[in-house]
Amino acid sequence: MPRRNRVDPWGDLHAVDERGLFTGNRGCLVSDDGDVARHHRGNLWITCVTQFRDWRFPLAAPNRWTPIFFLDDAVALAAAHRPCGLCRRSAYESYRDAVTAATPGADRLGAGELNRMLGAERLNRGRGIDRAADRKLWTADHADLPDGSVVLDATGAPCLLVEDRTMTFTFGGWSDPRPRLRRGSVQVLTPPTSVVALAHGFGPELHPTAAA
């Protein structure tokens, strides 16, 4: 039976078989018996490679960080994570430099500053393991959003913007490609800081289905 450790674009956890391209960390999420007991712990939400050096981590150990899994960078960014500065150093530096370039008067931003920026954009003041209803959405014009952004369609489903397409999220990949809108406004799930990163040079690693 799959563990409840797969993340959707809202940032919530699900028990499904697929694992995706990346793992990640937002603290210890499990109780002493290994069951998911909390949505997150702390303000460090990162996205990691699934293999790094010869390190191995238990999937559900109390008092240790809990590995969670993402389809790709677009999902991880929508869920308000950023690239890890250790195992994804190049991606982290690209993300950091892109946000810094768009921040007037800023020197090179540090990881703590990025964490605080994203932390302010993630959630309202709710509680519980499932927090989709607490997400801070914002509105933007279609024309202003870069590739890699995740928005909500008319039904409230998370959708990826990529090239000339809009594609719907599933745990197995991006599906149902249709023409991308270029006019009007839309609710955006990807936090503003990460949209800025995408717009200023950060290149997300997308699941192969995004090219369909």
N, C-alpha and C. Protein backbone atom coordinates (compact mmCIF):
# COMPACT_ATOMS: atom_id res chain seq x y z
N MET A 1 0.84 -1.19 0.00
CA MET A 1 0.00 0.00 0.00
C MET A 1 0.88 1.25 0.00
N PRO A 2 0.62 2.20 -0.91
CA PRO A 2 1.47 3.39 -0.96
C PRO A 2 1.34 4.26 0.29
N ARG A 3 2.43 4.92 0.62
CA ARG A 3 2.41 5.85 1.75
C ARG A 3 1.80 7.19 1.31
N ARG A 4 1.35 7.92 2.30
CA ARG A 4 0.79 9.25 2.01
C ARG A 4 1.94 10.26 1.97
N ASN A 5 2.62 10.30 0.84
CA ASN A 5 3.78 11.18 0.74
C ASN A 5 3.94 11.81 -0.64
N ARG A 6 2.90 11.78 -1.44
CA ARG A 6 2.94 12.40 -2.76
C ARG A 6 2.22 13.74 -2.71
N VAL A 7 2.85 14.79 -3.21
CA VAL A 7 2.36 16.16 -3.05
C VAL A 7 1.64 16.62 -4.32
N ASP A 8 0.46 17.21 -4.15
CA ASP A 8 -0.24 17.82 -5.28
C ASP A 8 0.13 19.31 -5.38
N PRO A 9 -0.31 20.01 -6.42
CA PRO A 9 0.08 21.42 -6.55
C PRO A 9 -0.42 22.32 -5.42
N TRP A 10 -1.43 21.89 -4.69
CA TRP A 10 -1.90 22.66 -3.54
C TRP A 10 -0.97 22.51 -2.34
N GLY A 11 -0.10 21.49 -2.38
CA GLY A 11 0.78 21.21 -1.26
C GLY A 11 0.28 20.13 -0.33
N ASP A 12 -0.86 19.51 -0.65
CA ASP A 12 -1.41 18.46 0.20
C ASP A 12 -0.82 17.10 -0.15
N LEU A 13 -0.90 16.16 0.80
CA LEU A 13 -0.29 14.84 0.67
C LEU A 13 -1.32 13.79 0.31
N HIS A 14 -0.93 12.84 -0.54
CA HIS A 14 -1.82 11.79 -1.01
C HIS A 14 -1.08 10.46 -1.04
N ALA A 15 -1.83 9.38 -0.94
CA ALA A 15 -1.28 8.02 -1.03
C ALA A 15 -1.55 7.49 -2.44
N VAL A 16 -0.57 7.60 -3.31
CA VAL A 16 -0.68 7.10 -4.68
C VAL A 16 0.62 6.39 -5.03
N ASP A 17 0.58 5.60 -6.09
CA ASP A 17 1.75 4.80 -6.45
C ASP A 17 2.86 5.62 -7.11
N GLU A 18 2.50 6.63 -7.90
CA GLU A 18 3.50 7.37 -8.66
C GLU A 18 4.41 8.17 -7.72
N ARG A 19 5.66 8.37 -8.16
CA ARG A 19 6.62 9.10 -7.33
C ARG A 19 7.10 10.41 -7.97
N GLY A 20 7.21 10.48 -9.28
CA GLY A 20 7.62 11.72 -9.91
C GLY A 20 9.13 11.90 -9.96
N LEU A 21 9.56 13.11 -10.35
CA LEU A 21 10.97 13.39 -10.60
C LEU A 21 11.75 13.78 -9.35
N PHE A 22 11.08 14.33 -8.35
CA PHE A 22 11.79 14.91 -7.21
C PHE A 22 11.22 14.44 -5.88
N THR A 23 12.08 14.46 -4.88
CA THR A 23 11.63 14.34 -3.50
C THR A 23 11.79 15.71 -2.86
N GLY A 24 11.47 15.81 -1.58
CA GLY A 24 11.57 17.10 -0.92
C GLY A 24 11.36 16.99 0.57
N ASN A 25 11.38 18.15 1.21
CA ASN A 25 11.44 18.21 2.67
C ASN A 25 10.71 19.45 3.16
N ARG A 26 9.82 19.28 4.11
CA ARG A 26 9.29 20.40 4.88
C ARG A 26 9.13 19.99 6.35
N GLY A 27 10.15 19.27 6.84
CA GLY A 27 10.20 18.88 8.23
C GLY A 27 9.64 17.50 8.49
N CYS A 28 9.56 17.13 9.76
CA CYS A 28 9.00 15.84 10.16
C CYS A 28 7.48 15.92 10.13
N LEU A 29 6.85 15.06 9.34
CA LEU A 29 5.41 15.10 9.15
C LEU A 29 4.69 13.94 9.81
N VAL A 30 5.42 13.03 10.46
CA VAL A 30 4.80 11.81 10.96
C VAL A 30 4.86 11.75 12.48
N SER A 31 3.94 10.95 13.02
CA SER A 31 3.90 10.69 14.46
C SER A 31 4.86 9.55 14.80
N ASP A 32 4.90 9.16 16.06
CA ASP A 32 5.80 8.09 16.49
C ASP A 32 5.49 6.76 15.81
N ASP A 33 4.23 6.57 15.38
CA ASP A 33 3.87 5.32 14.71
C ASP A 33 4.05 5.38 13.19
N GLY A 34 4.57 6.49 12.69
CA GLY A 34 4.87 6.61 11.27
C GLY A 34 3.74 7.12 10.40
N ASP A 35 2.59 7.45 11.00
CA ASP A 35 1.47 7.99 10.23
C ASP A 35 1.62 9.50 10.07
N VAL A 36 1.13 10.02 8.94
CA VAL A 36 1.18 11.46 8.72
C VAL A 36 0.34 12.17 9.78
N ALA A 37 0.96 13.12 10.46
CA ALA A 37 0.30 13.80 11.57
C ALA A 37 0.23 15.31 11.39
N ARG A 38 0.96 15.85 10.40
CA ARG A 38 0.95 17.30 10.20
C ARG A 38 1.27 17.62 8.74
N HIS A 39 0.88 18.79 8.34
CA HIS A 39 1.09 19.25 6.96
C HIS A 39 2.53 19.67 6.72
N HIS A 40 3.13 20.33 7.70
CA HIS A 40 4.52 20.78 7.59
C HIS A 40 5.03 21.11 8.98
N ARG A 41 6.32 21.26 9.07
CA ARG A 41 6.94 21.74 10.31
C ARG A 41 8.09 22.66 9.91
N GLY A 42 7.96 23.92 10.23
CA GLY A 42 9.00 24.88 9.91
C GLY A 42 8.79 25.57 8.57
N ASN A 43 9.72 26.43 8.24
CA ASN A 43 9.62 27.29 7.07
C ASN A 43 10.55 26.88 5.94
N LEU A 44 11.30 25.80 6.13
CA LEU A 44 12.21 25.31 5.10
C LEU A 44 11.49 24.27 4.25
N TRP A 45 11.02 24.68 3.08
CA TRP A 45 10.32 23.79 2.16
C TRP A 45 11.18 23.70 0.90
N ILE A 46 11.80 22.55 0.67
CA ILE A 46 12.73 22.42 -0.44
C ILE A 46 12.38 21.22 -1.32
N THR A 47 12.93 21.25 -2.52
CA THR A 47 12.78 20.17 -3.49
C THR A 47 14.16 19.58 -3.77
N CYS A 48 14.26 18.26 -3.70
CA CYS A 48 15.55 17.57 -3.77
C CYS A 48 15.56 16.52 -4.87
N VAL A 49 16.76 16.12 -5.28
CA VAL A 49 16.89 14.98 -6.18
C VAL A 49 16.58 13.70 -5.41
N THR A 50 16.16 12.68 -6.12
CA THR A 50 15.80 11.43 -5.45
C THR A 50 17.01 10.60 -5.05
N GLN A 51 18.18 10.87 -5.65
CA GLN A 51 19.42 10.19 -5.26
C GLN A 51 20.53 11.21 -5.13
N PHE A 52 21.24 11.19 -4.01
CA PHE A 52 22.33 12.13 -3.78
C PHE A 52 23.41 11.41 -2.99
N ARG A 53 24.62 11.36 -3.60
CA ARG A 53 25.72 10.61 -2.99
C ARG A 53 25.21 9.20 -2.68
N ASP A 54 25.55 8.68 -1.51
CA ASP A 54 25.02 7.36 -1.13
C ASP A 54 24.07 7.49 0.07
N TRP A 55 23.46 8.66 0.22
CA TRP A 55 22.60 8.90 1.37
C TRP A 55 21.29 8.14 1.23
N ARG A 56 20.84 7.61 2.35
CA ARG A 56 19.55 6.93 2.42
C ARG A 56 18.76 7.48 3.60
N PHE A 57 17.48 7.67 3.39
CA PHE A 57 16.64 8.24 4.44
C PHE A 57 15.38 7.39 4.61
N PRO A 58 14.96 7.12 5.84
CA PRO A 58 13.71 6.39 6.06
C PRO A 58 12.53 7.22 5.59
N LEU A 59 11.49 6.54 5.12
CA LEU A 59 10.33 7.24 4.56
C LEU A 59 9.39 7.80 5.62
N ALA A 60 9.42 7.24 6.81
CA ALA A 60 8.46 7.68 7.83
C ALA A 60 9.03 7.47 9.22
N ALA A 61 10.11 8.17 9.54
CA ALA A 61 10.75 8.03 10.85
C ALA A 61 10.42 9.25 11.71
N PRO A 62 9.97 9.04 12.95
CA PRO A 62 9.72 10.18 13.83
C PRO A 62 11.01 10.93 14.14
N ASN A 63 10.86 12.23 14.32
CA ASN A 63 11.98 13.11 14.70
C ASN A 63 13.05 13.25 13.62
N ARG A 64 12.69 12.89 12.38
CA ARG A 64 13.56 13.13 11.23
C ARG A 64 12.70 13.70 10.11
N TRP A 65 13.35 14.37 9.16
CA TRP A 65 12.55 14.92 8.06
C TRP A 65 11.89 13.81 7.25
N THR A 66 10.71 14.06 6.76
CA THR A 66 9.91 13.07 6.05
C THR A 66 10.02 13.30 4.54
N PRO A 67 10.58 12.36 3.77
CA PRO A 67 10.64 12.54 2.33
C PRO A 67 9.23 12.58 1.72
N ILE A 68 9.00 13.57 0.88
CA ILE A 68 7.76 13.68 0.13
C ILE A 68 8.13 13.80 -1.35
N PHE A 69 7.18 13.57 -2.25
CA PHE A 69 7.51 13.41 -3.66
C PHE A 69 6.65 14.30 -4.55
N PHE A 70 7.28 14.80 -5.63
CA PHE A 70 6.65 15.74 -6.55
C PHE A 70 6.77 15.23 -7.98
N LEU A 71 5.73 15.49 -8.77
CA LEU A 71 5.78 15.14 -10.19
C LEU A 71 6.97 15.81 -10.87
N ASP A 72 7.14 17.12 -10.63
CA ASP A 72 8.22 17.87 -11.28
C ASP A 72 8.37 19.23 -10.60
N ASP A 73 9.20 20.08 -11.17
CA ASP A 73 9.43 21.40 -10.59
C ASP A 73 8.17 22.25 -10.57
N ALA A 74 7.35 22.16 -11.62
CA ALA A 74 6.15 22.99 -11.66
C ALA A 74 5.23 22.69 -10.48
N VAL A 75 5.07 21.41 -10.16
CA VAL A 75 4.25 21.04 -9.01
C VAL A 75 4.91 21.50 -7.72
N ALA A 76 6.21 21.29 -7.60
CA ALA A 76 6.91 21.69 -6.38
C ALA A 76 6.83 23.19 -6.16
N LEU A 77 7.04 23.97 -7.22
CA LEU A 77 6.93 25.42 -7.08
C LEU A 77 5.51 25.83 -6.73
N ALA A 78 4.52 25.22 -7.37
CA ALA A 78 3.13 25.54 -7.04
C ALA A 78 2.82 25.22 -5.59
N ALA A 79 3.41 24.15 -5.07
CA ALA A 79 3.22 23.76 -3.68
C ALA A 79 4.04 24.60 -2.72
N ALA A 80 4.73 25.62 -3.26
CA ALA A 80 5.47 26.61 -2.47
C ALA A 80 6.80 26.10 -1.94
N HIS A 81 7.42 25.16 -2.66
CA HIS A 81 8.78 24.72 -2.37
C HIS A 81 9.75 25.43 -3.32
N ARG A 82 11.03 25.41 -2.96
CA ARG A 82 12.10 25.93 -3.81
C ARG A 82 13.18 24.86 -3.94
N PRO A 83 14.09 24.97 -4.92
CA PRO A 83 15.16 23.98 -5.04
C PRO A 83 16.10 23.99 -3.83
N CYS A 84 16.57 22.80 -3.47
CA CYS A 84 17.52 22.64 -2.37
C CYS A 84 18.88 23.22 -2.76
N GLY A 85 19.52 23.90 -1.80
CA GLY A 85 20.82 24.49 -2.06
C GLY A 85 21.98 23.51 -1.98
N LEU A 86 21.73 22.28 -1.52
CA LEU A 86 22.79 21.27 -1.42
C LEU A 86 22.75 20.32 -2.60
N CYS A 87 21.70 19.53 -2.70
CA CYS A 87 21.67 18.50 -3.74
C CYS A 87 21.25 19.04 -5.10
N ARG A 88 20.67 20.24 -5.14
CA ARG A 88 20.28 20.87 -6.41
C ARG A 88 20.94 22.25 -6.50
N ARG A 89 22.23 22.29 -6.28
CA ARG A 89 22.91 23.58 -6.15
C ARG A 89 22.73 24.47 -7.37
N SER A 90 22.88 23.91 -8.56
CA SER A 90 22.77 24.72 -9.76
C SER A 90 21.36 25.29 -9.90
N ALA A 91 20.35 24.46 -9.66
CA ALA A 91 18.96 24.93 -9.74
C ALA A 91 18.69 25.98 -8.67
N TYR A 92 19.21 25.74 -7.47
CA TYR A 92 19.03 26.72 -6.39
C TYR A 92 19.64 28.06 -6.76
N GLU A 93 20.86 28.06 -7.27
CA GLU A 93 21.52 29.31 -7.63
C GLU A 93 20.78 30.03 -8.75
N SER A 94 20.27 29.27 -9.71
CA SER A 94 19.48 29.87 -10.78
C SER A 94 18.22 30.52 -10.22
N TYR A 95 17.55 29.81 -9.32
CA TYR A 95 16.33 30.35 -8.69
C TYR A 95 16.66 31.60 -7.88
N ARG A 96 17.67 31.50 -7.05
CA ARG A 96 18.08 32.63 -6.20
C ARG A 96 18.44 33.85 -7.03
N ASP A 97 19.25 33.64 -8.06
CA ASP A 97 19.71 34.76 -8.87
C ASP A 97 18.55 35.40 -9.64
N ALA A 98 17.60 34.59 -10.08
CA ALA A 98 16.44 35.13 -10.79
C ALA A 98 15.60 36.01 -9.87
N VAL A 99 15.36 35.55 -8.65
CA VAL A 99 14.58 36.35 -7.70
C VAL A 99 15.35 37.61 -7.31
N THR A 100 16.66 37.46 -7.09
CA THR A 100 17.47 38.63 -6.74
C THR A 100 17.42 39.68 -7.84
N ALA A 101 17.50 39.25 -9.09
CA ALA A 101 17.50 40.19 -10.21
C ALA A 101 16.22 41.00 -10.28
N ALA A 102 15.13 40.44 -9.78
CA ALA A 102 13.84 41.12 -9.84
C ALA A 102 13.50 41.85 -8.54
N THR A 103 14.43 41.87 -7.59
CA THR A 103 14.20 42.51 -6.30
C THR A 103 15.00 43.80 -6.24
N PRO A 104 14.36 44.96 -6.37
CA PRO A 104 15.10 46.23 -6.43
C PRO A 104 15.97 46.44 -5.20
N GLY A 105 17.23 46.79 -5.44
CA GLY A 105 18.14 47.12 -4.36
C GLY A 105 18.69 45.94 -3.59
N ALA A 106 18.35 44.72 -3.99
CA ALA A 106 18.80 43.55 -3.24
C ALA A 106 20.19 43.12 -3.68
N ASP A 107 21.03 42.77 -2.70
CA ASP A 107 22.23 42.01 -3.00
C ASP A 107 21.79 40.56 -3.23
N ARG A 108 22.71 39.66 -3.35
CA ARG A 108 22.34 38.26 -3.55
C ARG A 108 21.53 37.76 -2.36
N LEU A 109 20.31 37.34 -2.62
CA LEU A 109 19.43 36.88 -1.55
C LEU A 109 19.94 35.57 -0.96
N GLY A 110 19.79 35.41 0.34
CA GLY A 110 20.16 34.17 1.00
C GLY A 110 18.99 33.21 1.10
N ALA A 111 19.29 31.97 1.46
CA ALA A 111 18.25 30.96 1.58
C ALA A 111 17.20 31.36 2.60
N GLY A 112 17.64 31.94 3.72
CA GLY A 112 16.68 32.35 4.74
C GLY A 112 15.73 33.41 4.24
N GLU A 113 16.23 34.34 3.43
CA GLU A 113 15.36 35.38 2.87
C GLU A 113 14.35 34.77 1.90
N LEU A 114 14.80 33.85 1.06
CA LEU A 114 13.87 33.18 0.16
C LEU A 114 12.82 32.41 0.93
N ASN A 115 13.23 31.73 2.00
CA ASN A 115 12.27 30.98 2.82
C ASN A 115 11.22 31.91 3.41
N ARG A 116 11.64 33.07 3.88
CA ARG A 116 10.69 34.02 4.47
C ARG A 116 9.74 34.57 3.41
N MET A 117 10.26 34.86 2.24
CA MET A 117 9.40 35.36 1.16
C MET A 117 8.34 34.33 0.79
N LEU A 118 8.76 33.09 0.59
CA LEU A 118 7.81 32.04 0.24
C LEU A 118 6.86 31.75 1.39
N GLY A 119 7.37 31.79 2.62
CA GLY A 119 6.53 31.52 3.78
C GLY A 119 5.38 32.49 3.89
N ALA A 120 5.61 33.74 3.51
CA ALA A 120 4.55 34.75 3.58
C ALA A 120 3.52 34.57 2.47
N GLU A 121 3.84 33.77 1.46
CA GLU A 121 2.95 33.61 0.31
C GLU A 121 2.20 32.29 0.28
N ARG A 122 2.46 31.41 1.24
CA ARG A 122 1.93 30.05 1.15
C ARG A 122 0.50 29.90 1.64
N LEU A 123 0.32 30.17 2.93
CA LEU A 123 -0.89 29.74 3.62
C LEU A 123 -1.51 30.87 4.43
N ASN A 124 -2.83 30.81 4.56
CA ASN A 124 -3.52 31.61 5.54
C ASN A 124 -3.41 30.92 6.90
N ARG A 125 -4.06 31.45 7.89
CA ARG A 125 -3.86 30.92 9.25
C ARG A 125 -4.88 29.83 9.58
N GLY A 126 -4.77 28.71 8.90
CA GLY A 126 -5.62 27.57 9.18
C GLY A 126 -4.84 26.46 9.85
N ARG A 127 -5.53 25.35 10.09
CA ARG A 127 -4.89 24.20 10.72
C ARG A 127 -5.30 22.92 10.00
N GLY A 128 -4.61 21.82 10.32
CA GLY A 128 -4.97 20.53 9.78
C GLY A 128 -3.94 20.00 8.82
N ILE A 129 -4.09 18.73 8.47
CA ILE A 129 -3.17 18.08 7.54
C ILE A 129 -3.45 18.52 6.11
N ASP A 130 -4.73 18.63 5.74
CA ASP A 130 -5.11 19.06 4.40
C ASP A 130 -5.32 20.57 4.42
N ARG A 131 -4.54 21.29 3.59
CA ARG A 131 -4.53 22.74 3.70
C ARG A 131 -4.85 23.46 2.39
N ALA A 132 -5.42 22.75 1.42
CA ALA A 132 -5.71 23.40 0.14
C ALA A 132 -6.59 24.64 0.33
N ALA A 133 -7.56 24.55 1.24
CA ALA A 133 -8.46 25.68 1.47
C ALA A 133 -7.75 26.87 2.09
N ASP A 134 -6.56 26.65 2.65
CA ASP A 134 -5.80 27.73 3.28
C ASP A 134 -4.79 28.39 2.35
N ARG A 135 -4.65 27.89 1.13
CA ARG A 135 -3.63 28.44 0.25
C ARG A 135 -3.94 29.88 -0.13
N LYS A 136 -2.89 30.67 -0.21
CA LYS A 136 -3.01 32.05 -0.65
C LYS A 136 -2.93 32.08 -2.18
N LEU A 137 -4.06 32.30 -2.81
CA LEU A 137 -4.10 32.46 -4.26
C LEU A 137 -3.93 33.94 -4.60
N TRP A 138 -3.54 34.20 -5.82
CA TRP A 138 -3.46 35.59 -6.29
C TRP A 138 -3.86 35.63 -7.75
N THR A 139 -4.13 36.81 -8.25
CA THR A 139 -4.66 36.97 -9.59
C THR A 139 -3.65 37.68 -10.48
N ALA A 140 -3.51 37.19 -11.71
CA ALA A 140 -2.60 37.80 -12.68
C ALA A 140 -3.24 37.73 -14.06
N ASP A 141 -2.72 38.52 -14.97
CA ASP A 141 -3.14 38.43 -16.36
C ASP A 141 -2.45 37.24 -17.02
N HIS A 142 -3.20 36.51 -17.83
CA HIS A 142 -2.61 35.39 -18.56
C HIS A 142 -1.33 35.81 -19.29
N ALA A 143 -1.37 36.97 -19.91
CA ALA A 143 -0.25 37.41 -20.73
C ALA A 143 1.02 37.64 -19.94
N ASP A 144 0.90 37.83 -18.64
CA ASP A 144 2.06 38.15 -17.80
C ASP A 144 2.71 36.93 -17.16
N LEU A 145 2.12 35.76 -17.34
CA LEU A 145 2.61 34.57 -16.63
C LEU A 145 3.60 33.79 -17.48
N PRO A 146 4.74 33.41 -16.91
CA PRO A 146 5.75 32.65 -17.65
C PRO A 146 5.42 31.16 -17.71
N ASP A 147 6.08 30.48 -18.63
CA ASP A 147 5.99 29.02 -18.66
C ASP A 147 6.40 28.45 -17.31
N GLY A 148 5.73 27.36 -16.91
CA GLY A 148 6.02 26.73 -15.63
C GLY A 148 5.09 27.16 -14.52
N SER A 149 4.30 28.22 -14.76
CA SER A 149 3.32 28.65 -13.77
C SER A 149 2.17 27.66 -13.71
N VAL A 150 1.59 27.50 -12.53
CA VAL A 150 0.41 26.67 -12.35
C VAL A 150 -0.75 27.57 -11.94
N VAL A 151 -1.83 27.49 -12.70
CA VAL A 151 -3.01 28.31 -12.47
C VAL A 151 -4.22 27.41 -12.25
N LEU A 152 -5.34 28.00 -11.90
CA LEU A 152 -6.58 27.25 -11.72
C LEU A 152 -7.50 27.49 -12.90
N ASP A 153 -8.07 26.42 -13.44
CA ASP A 153 -9.03 26.58 -14.53
C ASP A 153 -10.41 26.90 -13.96
N ALA A 154 -11.42 26.93 -14.81
CA ALA A 154 -12.75 27.33 -14.38
C ALA A 154 -13.36 26.37 -13.37
N THR A 155 -12.86 25.14 -13.32
CA THR A 155 -13.37 24.16 -12.36
C THR A 155 -12.56 24.15 -11.07
N GLY A 156 -11.49 24.94 -11.01
CA GLY A 156 -10.60 24.94 -9.84
C GLY A 156 -9.49 23.92 -9.91
N ALA A 157 -9.30 23.28 -11.07
CA ALA A 157 -8.24 22.28 -11.22
C ALA A 157 -6.91 22.96 -11.53
N PRO A 158 -5.80 22.49 -10.93
CA PRO A 158 -4.49 23.07 -11.23
C PRO A 158 -4.04 22.71 -12.65
N CYS A 159 -3.55 23.72 -13.36
CA CYS A 159 -3.14 23.54 -14.75
C CYS A 159 -1.80 24.22 -15.00
N LEU A 160 -0.98 23.58 -15.80
CA LEU A 160 0.35 24.09 -16.15
C LEU A 160 0.27 24.93 -17.41
N LEU A 161 0.97 26.06 -17.39
CA LEU A 161 1.15 26.87 -18.60
C LEU A 161 2.51 26.54 -19.18
N VAL A 162 2.53 26.07 -20.43
CA VAL A 162 3.80 25.71 -21.06
C VAL A 162 3.67 25.94 -22.57
N GLU A 163 4.52 26.79 -23.10
CA GLU A 163 4.53 27.15 -24.52
C GLU A 163 3.13 27.59 -24.94
N ASP A 164 2.53 26.92 -25.90
CA ASP A 164 1.21 27.35 -26.37
C ASP A 164 0.08 26.54 -25.75
N ARG A 165 0.38 25.80 -24.65
CA ARG A 165 -0.59 24.86 -24.10
C ARG A 165 -0.91 25.16 -22.63
N THR A 166 -2.09 24.72 -22.25
CA THR A 166 -2.48 24.59 -20.85
C THR A 166 -2.77 23.12 -20.62
N MET A 167 -2.23 22.54 -19.53
CA MET A 167 -2.38 21.11 -19.28
C MET A 167 -2.78 20.87 -17.83
N THR A 168 -3.64 19.89 -17.62
CA THR A 168 -4.20 19.61 -16.30
C THR A 168 -3.30 18.64 -15.52
N PHE A 169 -3.18 18.90 -14.23
CA PHE A 169 -2.37 18.03 -13.37
C PHE A 169 -3.06 16.70 -13.10
N THR A 170 -2.29 15.61 -13.19
CA THR A 170 -2.63 14.32 -12.60
C THR A 170 -1.36 13.80 -11.95
N PHE A 171 -1.48 12.85 -11.05
CA PHE A 171 -0.28 12.31 -10.41
C PHE A 171 0.61 11.55 -11.38
N GLY A 172 0.04 11.11 -12.50
CA GLY A 172 0.83 10.42 -13.51
C GLY A 172 1.46 11.33 -14.53
N GLY A 173 1.09 12.61 -14.52
CA GLY A 173 1.65 13.55 -15.48
C GLY A 173 0.67 14.64 -15.85
N TRP A 174 1.10 15.49 -16.76
CA TRP A 174 0.25 16.57 -17.27
C TRP A 174 -0.59 16.03 -18.42
N SER A 175 -1.89 16.36 -18.42
CA SER A 175 -2.80 15.75 -19.39
C SER A 175 -3.72 16.81 -20.00
N ASP A 176 -4.50 16.37 -20.96
CA ASP A 176 -5.55 17.19 -21.58
C ASP A 176 -5.02 18.52 -22.11
N PRO A 177 -4.05 18.50 -23.01
CA PRO A 177 -3.53 19.76 -23.54
C PRO A 177 -4.58 20.50 -24.36
N ARG A 178 -4.65 21.80 -24.16
CA ARG A 178 -5.54 22.65 -24.95
C ARG A 178 -4.87 24.01 -25.12
N PRO A 179 -5.38 24.82 -26.04
CA PRO A 179 -4.72 26.09 -26.33
C PRO A 179 -4.62 26.99 -25.09
N ARG A 180 -3.48 27.60 -24.96
CA ARG A 180 -3.24 28.50 -23.83
C ARG A 180 -3.90 29.86 -24.08
N LEU A 181 -4.61 30.35 -23.08
CA LEU A 181 -5.22 31.67 -23.18
C LEU A 181 -4.15 32.74 -23.06
N ARG A 182 -4.33 33.83 -23.75
CA ARG A 182 -3.39 34.94 -23.70
C ARG A 182 -4.04 36.23 -23.21
N ARG A 183 -5.33 36.17 -22.93
CA ARG A 183 -6.04 37.35 -22.46
C ARG A 183 -6.83 37.01 -21.20
N GLY A 184 -7.18 38.05 -20.46
CA GLY A 184 -7.98 37.87 -19.27
C GLY A 184 -7.13 37.54 -18.05
N SER A 185 -7.78 37.48 -16.91
CA SER A 185 -7.09 37.20 -15.65
C SER A 185 -7.36 35.78 -15.20
N VAL A 186 -6.53 35.31 -14.28
CA VAL A 186 -6.63 33.93 -13.81
C VAL A 186 -6.10 33.87 -12.38
N GLN A 187 -6.63 32.93 -11.60
CA GLN A 187 -6.08 32.69 -10.26
C GLN A 187 -4.83 31.83 -10.38
N VAL A 188 -3.80 32.21 -9.64
CA VAL A 188 -2.48 31.57 -9.74
C VAL A 188 -2.18 30.84 -8.44
N LEU A 189 -1.72 29.60 -8.57
CA LEU A 189 -1.35 28.79 -7.42
C LEU A 189 0.15 28.92 -7.11
N THR A 190 0.98 29.04 -8.12
CA THR A 190 2.41 29.23 -7.89
C THR A 190 2.63 30.56 -7.16
N PRO A 191 3.35 30.57 -6.05
CA PRO A 191 3.55 31.82 -5.30
C PRO A 191 4.23 32.90 -6.14
N PRO A 192 3.96 34.17 -5.85
CA PRO A 192 4.55 35.26 -6.63
C PRO A 192 6.07 35.19 -6.73
N THR A 193 6.76 34.83 -5.66
CA THR A 193 8.22 34.77 -5.71
C THR A 193 8.69 33.77 -6.75
N SER A 194 8.03 32.62 -6.83
CA SER A 194 8.45 31.61 -7.80
C SER A 194 8.05 31.99 -9.22
N VAL A 195 6.94 32.70 -9.39
CA VAL A 195 6.59 33.21 -10.72
C VAL A 195 7.65 34.21 -11.17
N VAL A 196 8.11 35.05 -10.25
CA VAL A 196 9.20 35.98 -10.56
C VAL A 196 10.45 35.21 -11.00
N ALA A 197 10.78 34.13 -10.29
CA ALA A 197 11.94 33.32 -10.67
C ALA A 197 11.78 32.76 -12.07
N LEU A 198 10.59 32.23 -12.38
CA LEU A 198 10.34 31.68 -13.71
C LEU A 198 10.45 32.76 -14.79
N ALA A 199 9.99 33.96 -14.47
CA ALA A 199 9.99 35.05 -15.45
C ALA A 199 11.37 35.64 -15.67
N HIS A 200 12.30 35.40 -14.74
CA HIS A 200 13.62 36.02 -14.82
C HIS A 200 14.75 35.01 -14.99
N GLY A 201 14.42 33.85 -15.55
CA GLY A 201 15.49 32.97 -15.99
C GLY A 201 15.58 31.60 -15.35
N PHE A 202 14.80 31.33 -14.29
CA PHE A 202 14.87 29.99 -13.72
C PHE A 202 14.14 29.02 -14.64
N GLY A 203 14.83 27.97 -15.06
CA GLY A 203 14.24 26.98 -15.95
C GLY A 203 13.80 25.75 -15.19
N PRO A 204 12.51 25.51 -15.04
CA PRO A 204 12.03 24.35 -14.28
C PRO A 204 12.23 23.05 -15.04
N GLU A 205 12.50 21.99 -14.31
CA GLU A 205 12.56 20.66 -14.92
C GLU A 205 11.15 20.08 -14.89
N LEU A 206 10.56 19.93 -16.06
CA LEU A 206 9.18 19.48 -16.17
C LEU A 206 9.11 18.00 -16.50
N HIS A 207 8.02 17.37 -16.08
CA HIS A 207 7.76 15.97 -16.40
C HIS A 207 7.66 15.81 -17.92
N PRO A 208 8.12 14.68 -18.47
CA PRO A 208 8.07 14.50 -19.92
C PRO A 208 6.69 14.69 -20.53
N THR A 209 5.63 14.44 -19.77
CA THR A 209 4.28 14.60 -20.31
C THR A 209 3.97 16.05 -20.64
N ALA A 210 4.72 17.00 -20.09
CA ALA A 210 4.48 18.41 -20.40
C ALA A 210 4.82 18.74 -21.85
N ALA A 211 5.59 17.88 -22.49
CA ALA A 211 5.97 18.09 -23.89
C ALA A 211 4.99 17.46 -24.86
N ALA A 212 3.97 16.79 -24.34
CA ALA A 212 3.03 16.07 -25.22
C ALA A 212 2.20 17.04 -26.05
